[in-house]
Amino acid sequence: MQTRKIRNGIVVSLIFAFVVMLVIAFYADVPNMLAAFAGFHWIYLPVILGLTLVNYTGRFVKWSYYLKRLRIVARPSISLLIFLSGLSMAITPGKIGELLKSYLLRQYTDAPISHSSPIIVAERLSDGLAMLVLASSGLLLYRFGLQLMLPLLVVGLAGVLVIQNRTLSLRLLRICERLPFLGRFAQHFQAFYESAYTLLQWRPLLLAVGIGIVSWSGECLAFYFVFRGLGIAASMDLVLKSTFILAVSSLVGSASGLPGGLGSADGSVLGLTRLLVTSSSALGGAATLLIRFCTLWFGLLIGVGALLTLRTVPALKAVHRERAEADRLLDSQPFSIAHQSNADLSSVSATRGE
């Protein structure tokens, strides 16, 4: 992995994030926004963070399911640390830094990057489709964002259909093999495609989208409690608006390709909040900064902690690889092992003259 480029990209993203926060603060009028923060009911903060953790829990369930689909054996503790480490790369452009998870899987399980990296694609695709479902009620009620959401849906489904069409996909791979530059990567492309084909069949895709709807509902409800903490009256309409705003803003952020959706997601949250929930720029700015701190930046801190845990306990790697190899042998050769055990017992019996 190009560690230096990723590190430099993160530094640039942090500077950009600081600029975005300053712009929001000045737009919202700093004194009024600080007054909104002062009036925030901080008793809601544990609930907000807890609902964000619900999202991460659901996404980890999906990650574990994908590992099982690809027959990648990883101990639950190591798998969890690798998954959480990916959150530390949330502010890399297009979340390309999440390939760190594939890199770590190679270190701990020997799974080739070309074999595991389709998990990242499947995660992004299933999350995007889940967000489209969550935003659908708002798209119908508020007649906003359909022009953006529809192309994303078409592109996503088109990609799935191409991958599921093996004849077409294998033909494209053969064309790549004959190209001067791409030909050298033909074997990696083939491995990538086979994993993607396994993950993006309709049954696993629909299951992953279902998990995504449940998990991302956690962050949508977290945004609802941000509004409640700022003193906005509770209502079912507020739940729908919170869900719509967060889902659409997340999709806009992902589509922009900007690190962590910085600027694009923040601007969408702020604009839609002022359009649908409150005309107050101070409340809108406070809500935007709070939900971003409790989702993006909270996840980033968790990811850094998980990554440091993996890096500071190198003994985990050797122990895990030995256990993973033992599990792999037990799963793949149950009859051989049983036969060997019986042979050993027979040998012992013969020696004793039994």
Protein backbone atom coordinates (compact mmCIF):
# COMPACT_ATOMS: atom_id res chain seq x y z
CA MET A 1 0.00 0.00 0.00
CA GLN A 2 1.21 3.50 -0.75
CA THR A 3 1.38 4.52 2.89
CA ARG A 4 2.95 7.94 2.30
CA LYS A 5 0.29 8.99 -0.22
CA ILE A 6 -2.51 7.87 2.10
CA ARG A 7 -0.91 9.70 5.04
CA ASN A 8 -0.54 12.89 3.00
CA GLY A 9 -4.14 12.54 1.81
CA ILE A 10 -5.37 12.25 5.40
CA VAL A 11 -3.44 15.40 6.42
CA VAL A 12 -4.96 17.34 3.51
CA SER A 13 -8.41 15.98 4.42
CA LEU A 14 -8.01 17.11 8.05
CA ILE A 15 -7.11 20.62 6.89
CA PHE A 16 -10.10 20.58 4.53
CA ALA A 17 -12.34 19.37 7.37
CA PHE A 18 -11.18 22.27 9.56
CA VAL A 19 -11.98 24.72 6.77
CA VAL A 20 -15.45 23.18 6.29
CA MET A 21 -16.18 23.52 10.02
CA LEU A 22 -15.08 27.16 9.95
CA VAL A 23 -17.32 27.90 6.97
CA ILE A 24 -20.32 26.28 8.70
CA ALA A 25 -19.59 28.17 11.92
CA PHE A 26 -19.40 31.54 10.19
CA TYR A 27 -22.46 30.80 8.07
CA ALA A 28 -24.43 29.88 11.18
CA ASP A 29 -23.19 33.01 13.02
CA VAL A 30 -20.70 31.85 15.65
CA PRO A 31 -22.27 33.50 18.75
CA ASN A 32 -25.76 32.19 17.94
CA MET A 33 -24.43 28.72 17.15
CA LEU A 34 -22.49 28.63 20.42
CA ALA A 35 -25.72 29.58 22.19
CA ALA A 36 -27.43 26.63 20.45
CA PHE A 37 -24.65 24.32 21.69
CA ALA A 38 -25.00 25.74 25.20
CA GLY A 39 -28.72 24.94 25.16
CA PHE A 40 -28.21 21.40 23.86
CA HIS A 41 -29.59 18.67 26.15
CA TRP A 42 -26.40 16.62 26.56
CA ILE A 43 -28.36 13.78 28.13
CA TYR A 44 -29.09 12.73 24.52
CA LEU A 45 -25.39 12.32 23.66
CA PRO A 46 -25.06 8.71 24.94
CA VAL A 47 -28.18 7.79 22.97
CA ILE A 48 -26.78 9.39 19.81
CA LEU A 49 -23.42 7.64 20.15
CA GLY A 50 -25.15 4.36 21.03
CA LEU A 51 -27.22 4.52 17.85
CA THR A 52 -24.06 5.19 15.84
CA LEU A 53 -22.61 2.02 17.39
CA VAL A 54 -25.76 0.18 16.25
CA ASN A 55 -24.78 1.14 12.71
CA TYR A 56 -21.23 -0.15 13.15
CA THR A 57 -22.54 -3.37 14.69
CA GLY A 58 -24.80 -4.03 11.71
CA ARG A 59 -22.01 -3.28 9.28
CA PHE A 60 -19.72 -5.68 11.15
CA VAL A 61 -22.37 -8.40 10.83
CA LYS A 62 -22.35 -7.80 7.07
CA TRP A 63 -18.54 -7.81 6.98
CA SER A 64 -18.52 -11.17 8.78
CA TYR A 65 -21.10 -12.54 6.33
CA TYR A 66 -18.96 -11.47 3.37
CA LEU A 67 -15.87 -13.13 4.87
CA LYS A 68 -17.84 -16.35 5.25
CA ARG A 69 -19.08 -16.12 1.65
CA LEU A 70 -15.48 -15.85 0.43
CA ARG A 71 -14.27 -18.59 2.83
CA ILE A 72 -11.84 -16.25 4.55
CA VAL A 73 -11.22 -17.61 8.05
CA ALA A 74 -10.63 -14.96 10.71
CA ARG A 75 -11.05 -15.11 14.47
CA PRO A 76 -13.94 -12.85 15.61
CA SER A 77 -11.64 -10.60 17.69
CA ILE A 78 -9.18 -10.09 14.82
CA SER A 79 -12.00 -9.69 12.29
CA LEU A 80 -13.59 -7.00 14.48
CA LEU A 81 -10.30 -5.10 14.86
CA ILE A 82 -9.68 -5.23 11.11
CA PHE A 83 -13.20 -4.03 10.37
CA LEU A 84 -12.97 -1.17 12.86
CA SER A 85 -9.52 -0.23 11.54
CA GLY A 86 -11.19 0.55 8.23
CA LEU A 87 -13.09 3.37 9.95
CA SER A 88 -9.76 5.17 10.41
CA MET A 89 -9.64 5.57 6.61
CA ALA A 90 -13.06 7.27 6.37
CA ILE A 91 -11.56 10.59 5.29
CA THR A 92 -9.48 9.24 2.42
CA PRO A 93 -10.73 10.25 -1.08
CA GLY A 94 -13.53 7.94 -2.19
CA LYS A 95 -12.79 5.89 0.97
CA ILE A 96 -10.06 4.17 -1.06
CA GLY A 97 -8.14 3.87 2.20
CA GLU A 98 -10.63 1.22 3.31
CA LEU A 99 -8.51 -1.17 1.24
CA LEU A 100 -6.49 -1.17 4.45
CA LYS A 101 -8.91 -3.90 5.55
CA SER A 102 -7.85 -6.09 2.63
CA TYR A 103 -4.21 -5.36 3.40
CA LEU A 104 -4.69 -6.39 7.04
CA LEU A 105 -6.59 -9.51 6.01
CA ARG A 106 -3.62 -10.51 3.88
CA GLN A 107 -1.33 -10.06 6.87
CA TYR A 108 -3.49 -12.05 9.27
CA THR A 109 -5.10 -14.67 7.02
CA ASP A 110 -2.95 -14.76 3.84
CA ALA A 111 -6.06 -13.91 1.78
CA PRO A 112 -4.89 -12.12 -1.42
CA ILE A 113 -5.99 -8.49 -1.73
CA SER A 114 -7.58 -9.24 -5.12
CA HIS A 115 -9.71 -11.90 -3.38
CA SER A 116 -10.93 -9.77 -0.45
CA SER A 117 -11.12 -6.26 -1.96
CA PRO A 118 -14.53 -6.91 -3.63
CA ILE A 119 -15.90 -6.86 -0.06
CA ILE A 120 -15.21 -3.11 0.01
CA VAL A 121 -17.13 -2.65 -3.25
CA ALA A 122 -20.02 -4.83 -2.04
CA GLU A 123 -20.17 -2.88 1.23
CA ARG A 124 -20.36 0.47 -0.55
CA LEU A 125 -22.94 -0.78 -3.05
CA SER A 126 -25.22 -2.43 -0.48
CA ASP A 127 -24.94 0.60 1.83
CA GLY A 128 -25.86 2.90 -1.06
CA LEU A 129 -28.91 0.82 -1.96
CA ALA A 130 -29.95 0.73 1.70
CA MET A 131 -29.69 4.52 1.87
CA LEU A 132 -31.82 4.83 -1.26
CA VAL A 133 -34.50 2.72 0.42
CA LEU A 134 -34.33 4.87 3.58
CA ALA A 135 -34.55 8.05 1.49
CA SER A 136 -37.41 6.76 -0.67
CA SER A 137 -40.22 7.93 1.62
CA GLY A 138 -38.76 11.43 1.71
CA LEU A 139 -38.24 11.44 -2.05
CA LEU A 140 -41.96 10.81 -2.47
CA LEU A 141 -43.07 13.22 0.27
CA TYR A 142 -40.75 16.15 -0.40
CA ARG A 143 -40.12 15.75 -4.15
CA PHE A 144 -36.46 16.54 -3.65
CA GLY A 145 -33.32 14.77 -4.80
CA LEU A 146 -34.93 12.37 -7.28
CA GLN A 147 -32.77 13.73 -10.12
CA LEU A 148 -29.64 12.75 -8.18
CA MET A 149 -30.85 9.49 -6.62
CA LEU A 150 -32.22 7.90 -9.80
CA PRO A 151 -28.89 7.97 -11.71
CA LEU A 152 -27.12 6.46 -8.69
CA LEU A 153 -29.67 3.64 -8.58
CA VAL A 154 -29.35 2.98 -12.32
CA VAL A 155 -25.53 2.94 -12.22
CA GLY A 156 -25.47 0.64 -9.17
CA LEU A 157 -27.95 -1.87 -10.61
CA ALA A 158 -26.21 -1.77 -14.02
CA GLY A 159 -22.93 -2.69 -12.34
CA VAL A 160 -24.59 -5.60 -10.52
CA LEU A 161 -26.16 -6.91 -13.75
CA VAL A 162 -22.83 -6.76 -15.60
CA ILE A 163 -21.09 -8.70 -12.81
CA GLN A 164 -23.88 -11.30 -12.70
CA ASN A 165 -23.61 -11.83 -16.47
CA ARG A 166 -20.61 -14.18 -16.51
CA THR A 167 -20.49 -14.44 -20.29
CA LEU A 168 -20.18 -10.69 -20.72
CA SER A 169 -17.82 -10.26 -17.77
CA LEU A 170 -15.45 -13.04 -18.87
CA ARG A 171 -15.42 -11.61 -22.38
CA LEU A 172 -14.40 -8.22 -20.98
CA LEU A 173 -11.68 -9.91 -18.92
CA ARG A 174 -10.33 -11.62 -22.03
CA ILE A 175 -10.19 -8.26 -23.80
CA CYS A 176 -8.22 -6.85 -20.85
CA GLU A 177 -5.75 -9.74 -21.10
CA ARG A 178 -4.85 -8.68 -24.63
CA LEU A 179 -4.23 -5.03 -23.74
CA PRO A 180 -0.54 -4.10 -23.26
CA PHE A 181 -0.79 -2.53 -19.79
CA LEU A 182 -3.82 -4.28 -18.31
CA GLY A 183 -2.71 -7.72 -19.43
CA ARG A 184 -0.15 -8.00 -16.65
CA PHE A 185 -2.95 -7.67 -14.07
CA ALA A 186 -5.25 -10.21 -15.75
CA GLN A 187 -4.88 -12.78 -12.96
CA HIS A 188 -5.76 -10.20 -10.29
CA PHE A 189 -8.77 -9.01 -12.30
CA GLN A 190 -9.98 -12.60 -12.59
CA ALA A 191 -9.69 -13.16 -8.82
CA PHE A 192 -11.43 -9.85 -8.14
CA TYR A 193 -14.27 -10.74 -10.49
CA GLU A 194 -14.82 -14.21 -9.01
CA SER A 195 -15.14 -12.74 -5.51
CA ALA A 196 -17.42 -9.93 -6.73
CA TYR A 197 -19.60 -12.49 -8.53
CA THR A 198 -19.94 -14.48 -5.30
CA LEU A 199 -20.88 -11.44 -3.22
CA LEU A 200 -23.24 -9.72 -5.67
CA GLN A 201 -25.64 -12.54 -6.44
CA TRP A 202 -29.20 -11.44 -5.74
CA ARG A 203 -29.66 -13.41 -2.52
CA PRO A 204 -26.52 -12.16 -0.68
CA LEU A 205 -27.03 -8.68 -2.13
CA LEU A 206 -30.61 -8.41 -0.86
CA LEU A 207 -29.57 -9.78 2.53
CA ALA A 208 -26.76 -7.21 2.72
CA VAL A 209 -29.13 -4.39 1.76
CA GLY A 210 -31.55 -5.56 4.47
CA ILE A 211 -28.76 -5.48 7.05
CA GLY A 212 -27.78 -2.04 5.73
CA ILE A 213 -31.31 -0.68 6.16
CA VAL A 214 -31.35 -1.78 9.80
CA SER A 215 -27.82 -0.55 10.58
CA TRP A 216 -28.09 2.85 8.87
CA SER A 217 -31.47 3.40 10.55
CA GLY A 218 -29.38 3.72 13.72
CA GLU A 219 -27.59 6.82 12.43
CA CYS A 220 -30.83 8.26 11.06
CA LEU A 221 -32.39 7.95 14.54
CA ALA A 222 -29.21 9.45 15.99
CA PHE A 223 -29.84 12.53 13.86
CA TYR A 224 -33.41 12.64 15.16
CA PHE A 225 -32.08 12.79 18.72
CA VAL A 226 -29.67 15.55 17.71
CA PHE A 227 -32.72 17.61 16.74
CA ARG A 228 -34.44 16.67 19.98
CA GLY A 229 -31.39 17.76 21.94
CA LEU A 230 -31.54 21.13 20.20
CA GLY A 231 -35.10 21.59 21.42
CA ILE A 232 -37.07 20.69 18.30
CA ALA A 233 -40.41 19.09 19.14
CA ALA A 234 -40.76 15.32 18.80
CA SER A 235 -42.97 14.01 15.99
CA MET A 236 -43.13 11.19 13.46
CA ASP A 237 -42.61 13.83 10.78
CA LEU A 238 -39.29 14.74 12.39
CA VAL A 239 -38.23 11.06 12.29
CA LEU A 240 -39.00 10.91 8.55
CA LYS A 241 -37.20 14.18 7.88
CA SER A 242 -34.15 13.10 9.89
CA THR A 243 -34.00 9.83 7.97
CA PHE A 244 -34.40 11.56 4.62
CA ILE A 245 -31.79 14.24 5.35
CA LEU A 246 -29.13 11.85 6.62
CA ALA A 247 -29.69 9.28 3.87
CA VAL A 248 -29.62 11.80 1.02
CA SER A 249 -26.63 13.67 2.47
CA SER A 250 -24.67 10.41 2.85
CA LEU A 251 -25.41 9.51 -0.76
CA VAL A 252 -24.36 12.97 -1.94
CA GLY A 253 -21.15 12.66 0.08
CA SER A 254 -20.38 9.23 -1.38
CA ALA A 255 -21.18 10.32 -4.93
CA SER A 256 -18.90 13.35 -4.61
CA GLY A 257 -15.86 11.15 -3.99
CA LEU A 258 -14.58 13.72 -1.50
CA PRO A 259 -12.85 12.34 1.62
CA GLY A 260 -15.55 11.47 4.12
CA GLY A 261 -17.99 13.47 1.99
CA LEU A 262 -16.43 16.59 3.53
CA GLY A 263 -18.16 19.71 2.32
CA SER A 264 -20.71 17.88 0.16
CA ALA A 265 -22.35 15.84 2.94
CA ASP A 266 -22.06 18.71 5.46
CA GLY A 267 -23.56 21.19 3.02
CA SER A 268 -26.41 18.82 2.20
CA VAL A 269 -27.21 18.27 5.90
CA LEU A 270 -27.18 22.00 6.57
CA GLY A 271 -29.21 22.93 3.49
CA LEU A 272 -31.86 20.23 3.92
CA THR A 273 -32.14 20.95 7.65
CA ARG A 274 -32.89 24.59 6.96
CA LEU A 275 -35.31 23.64 4.17
CA LEU A 276 -37.26 20.95 6.03
CA VAL A 277 -36.72 21.32 9.78
CA THR A 278 -35.80 24.84 10.87
CA SER A 279 -35.10 28.17 9.22
CA SER A 280 -32.54 29.01 11.91
CA SER A 281 -29.00 28.95 10.50
CA ALA A 282 -27.64 28.62 14.07
CA LEU A 283 -29.68 25.47 14.78
CA GLY A 284 -28.89 24.11 11.33
CA GLY A 285 -25.15 24.67 11.80
CA ALA A 286 -25.18 23.16 15.29
CA ALA A 287 -27.14 20.09 14.09
CA THR A 288 -24.71 19.60 11.19
CA LEU A 289 -21.59 19.76 13.34
CA LEU A 290 -23.08 17.55 16.05
CA ILE A 291 -24.17 14.73 13.74
CA ARG A 292 -20.84 14.80 11.89
CA PHE A 293 -18.90 14.65 15.16
CA CYS A 294 -21.07 11.79 16.43
CA THR A 295 -20.79 9.73 13.23
CA LEU A 296 -17.81 10.51 10.99
CA TRP A 297 -15.36 11.72 13.65
CA PHE A 298 -16.55 9.30 16.34
CA GLY A 299 -16.01 6.43 13.91
CA LEU A 300 -12.60 7.80 12.96
CA LEU A 301 -11.49 7.75 16.61
CA ILE A 302 -12.72 4.17 17.04
CA GLY A 303 -10.86 3.17 13.87
CA VAL A 304 -7.60 4.74 15.01
CA GLY A 305 -7.91 2.93 18.36
CA ALA A 306 -8.51 -0.42 16.65
CA LEU A 307 -5.59 0.12 14.27
CA LEU A 308 -3.24 1.01 17.12
CA THR A 309 -4.37 -2.13 18.97
CA LEU A 310 -3.47 -4.28 15.97
CA ARG A 311 -0.13 -2.52 15.51
CA THR A 312 0.89 -2.56 19.16
CA VAL A 313 0.16 -6.24 19.75
CA PRO A 314 2.23 -7.95 17.01
CA ALA A 315 1.99 -11.30 18.80
CA LEU A 316 -1.68 -11.36 17.79
CA LYS A 317 -0.65 -11.95 14.19
CA ALA A 318 1.33 -15.14 14.76
CA VAL A 319 -1.23 -16.59 17.18
CA HIS A 320 -4.12 -15.76 14.89
CA ARG A 321 -2.50 -17.21 11.78
CA GLU A 322 -1.76 -20.48 13.57
CA ARG A 323 -5.32 -20.77 14.85
CA ALA A 324 -6.82 -19.73 11.52
CA GLU A 325 -4.76 -22.39 9.74
CA ALA A 326 -5.93 -25.00 12.25
CA ASP A 327 -9.56 -23.94 11.73
CA ARG A 328 -9.09 -24.12 7.97
CA LEU A 329 -7.75 -27.66 8.20
CA LEU A 330 -10.59 -28.74 10.49
CA ASP A 331 -13.18 -27.27 8.11
CA SER A 332 -11.68 -28.64 4.91
CA GLN A 333 -10.54 -32.11 6.02
CA PRO A 334 -12.97 -33.46 8.62
CA PHE A 335 -13.01 -36.99 7.20
CA SER A 336 -9.25 -37.17 6.76
CA ILE A 337 -8.70 -36.08 10.34
CA ALA A 338 -11.24 -38.59 11.64
CA HIS A 339 -9.62 -41.32 9.55
CA GLN A 340 -6.18 -40.39 10.87
CA SER A 341 -7.47 -40.43 14.44
CA ASN A 342 -8.94 -43.91 13.96
CA ALA A 343 -5.69 -45.12 12.41
CA ASP A 344 -3.74 -43.79 15.38
CA LEU A 345 -6.06 -45.59 17.80
CA SER A 346 -5.72 -48.84 15.85
CA SER A 347 -1.97 -48.51 15.95
CA VAL A 348 -1.97 -48.01 19.70
CA SER A 349 -4.27 -51.01 20.19
CA ALA A 350 -2.03 -53.23 18.09
CA THR A 351 1.02 -52.19 20.06
CA ARG A 352 -0.68 -53.10 23.31
CA GLY A 353 -1.75 -56.45 21.87
CA GLU A 354 -5.42 -55.69 22.22
